[in-house]
Amino acid sequence: MTPREAANRLKREGWTSRPGKGSHRIYRKPGRQIVVVPNHGGDIKPGTLRNICAAAGWEYPPER
């Protein structure tokens, strides 16, 4: 999953974004912990993606 795909899915599910430090975006949703998504090219590394999935409440590996 690319950062763009993760960001689009978070936005579809009602998460709001704000800039993070450096090349990261921070997503928030009431009642959930924050999700930090790197804004790099290529696919998100497996460990980072696993953490994003856990924080967003998604199954791992996520469907594209």
C-alpha atoms as a PDB file:
ATOM      1  CA  MET A   1       0.000   0.000   0.000  1.00  0.00           C
ATOM      2  CA  THR A   2       1.338   3.424  -0.910  1.00  0.00           C
ATOM      3  CA  PRO A   3       1.029   6.492   1.327  1.00  0.00           C
ATOM      4  CA  ARG A   4      -1.493   7.968  -1.102  1.00  0.00           C
ATOM      5  CA  GLU A   5      -3.701   4.855  -0.912  1.00  0.00           C
ATOM      6  CA  ALA A   6      -3.566   4.895   2.899  1.00  0.00           C
ATOM      7  CA  ALA A   7      -4.385   8.615   3.026  1.00  0.00           C
ATOM      8  CA  ASN A   8      -7.319   8.237   0.637  1.00  0.00           C
ATOM      9  CA  ARG A   9      -8.765   5.360   2.664  1.00  0.00           C
ATOM     10  CA  LEU A  10      -8.413   7.300   5.919  1.00  0.00           C
ATOM     11  CA  LYS A  11     -10.166  10.319   4.367  1.00  0.00           C
ATOM     12  CA  ARG A  12     -13.004   8.118   3.051  1.00  0.00           C
ATOM     13  CA  GLU A  13     -13.475   6.747   6.575  1.00  0.00           C
ATOM     14  CA  GLY A  14     -13.822  10.215   8.107  1.00  0.00           C
ATOM     15  CA  TRP A  15     -10.302  10.913   9.382  1.00  0.00           C
ATOM     16  CA  THR A  16      -9.074  14.529   9.226  1.00  0.00           C
ATOM     17  CA  SER A  17      -5.487  15.397   8.425  1.00  0.00           C
ATOM     18  CA  ARG A  18      -2.968  17.986   9.442  1.00  0.00           C
ATOM     19  CA  PRO A  19       0.696  18.387   8.533  1.00  0.00           C
ATOM     20  CA  GLY A  20       3.192  16.487  10.629  1.00  0.00           C
ATOM     21  CA  LYS A  21       6.910  16.978  11.016  1.00  0.00           C
ATOM     22  CA  GLY A  22       8.975  16.490   7.900  1.00  0.00           C
ATOM     23  CA  SER A  23       7.404  14.191   5.364  1.00  0.00           C
ATOM     24  CA  HIS A  24       4.590  12.789   7.510  1.00  0.00           C
ATOM     25  CA  ARG A  25       0.852  13.486   7.780  1.00  0.00           C
ATOM     26  CA  ILE A  26      -1.144  13.077  10.988  1.00  0.00           C
ATOM     27  CA  TYR A  27      -4.736  11.837  10.838  1.00  0.00           C
ATOM     28  CA  ARG A  28      -7.251  12.168  13.674  1.00  0.00           C
ATOM     29  CA  LYS A  29     -10.713  10.833  14.342  1.00  0.00           C
ATOM     30  CA  PRO A  30     -12.740  11.327  17.524  1.00  0.00           C
ATOM     31  CA  GLY A  31     -12.546   8.289  19.790  1.00  0.00           C
ATOM     32  CA  ARG A  32      -9.471   6.849  18.040  1.00  0.00           C
ATOM     33  CA  GLN A  33      -5.748   7.328  18.504  1.00  0.00           C
ATOM     34  CA  ILE A  34      -3.868   9.362  15.892  1.00  0.00           C
ATOM     35  CA  VAL A  35      -2.442   7.750  12.765  1.00  0.00           C
ATOM     36  CA  VAL A  36       0.853   8.983  11.309  1.00  0.00           C
ATOM     37  CA  VAL A  37       1.370   8.228   7.608  1.00  0.00           C
ATOM     38  CA  PRO A  38       4.744   8.785   5.932  1.00  0.00           C
ATOM     39  CA  ASN A  39       4.596  10.842   2.758  1.00  0.00           C
ATOM     40  CA  HIS A  40       7.383   9.084   0.838  1.00  0.00           C
ATOM     41  CA  GLY A  41       7.404   7.497  -2.586  1.00  0.00           C
ATOM     42  CA  GLY A  42       6.865   3.763  -3.008  1.00  0.00           C
ATOM     43  CA  ASP A  43       5.129   1.311  -0.715  1.00  0.00           C
ATOM     44  CA  ILE A  44       4.899   1.736   3.052  1.00  0.00           C
ATOM     45  CA  LYS A  45       7.214  -0.699   4.852  1.00  0.00           C
ATOM     46  CA  PRO A  46       5.433  -3.733   6.375  1.00  0.00           C
ATOM     47  CA  GLY A  47       6.041  -2.835  10.029  1.00  0.00           C
ATOM     48  CA  THR A  48       4.881   0.753   9.528  1.00  0.00           C
ATOM     49  CA  LEU A  49       1.825  -0.447   7.625  1.00  0.00           C
ATOM     50  CA  ARG A  50       0.992  -2.917  10.410  1.00  0.00           C
ATOM     51  CA  ASN A  51       1.033  -0.041  12.938  1.00  0.00           C
ATOM     52  CA  ILE A  52      -1.133   2.150  10.687  1.00  0.00           C
ATOM     53  CA  CYS A  53      -3.629  -0.706  10.300  1.00  0.00           C
ATOM     54  CA  ALA A  54      -3.786  -1.289  14.054  1.00  0.00           C
ATOM     55  CA  ALA A  55      -4.342   2.400  14.825  1.00  0.00           C
ATOM     56  CA  ALA A  56      -6.980   2.794  12.100  1.00  0.00           C
ATOM     57  CA  GLY A  57      -8.808  -0.422  13.012  1.00  0.00           C
ATOM     58  CA  TRP A  58      -8.038  -2.183   9.721  1.00  0.00           C
ATOM     59  CA  GLU A  59      -7.143  -5.827   9.171  1.00  0.00           C
ATOM     60  CA  TYR A  60      -3.539  -6.552   8.245  1.00  0.00           C
ATOM     61  CA  PRO A  61      -2.674  -6.826   5.409  1.00  0.00           C
ATOM     62  CA  PRO A  62      -5.187  -4.267   4.147  1.00  0.00           C
ATOM     63  CA  GLU A  63      -7.078  -4.690   0.911  1.00  0.00           C
ATOM     64  CA  ARG A  64      -6.072  -2.243  -1.792  1.00  0.00           C
END
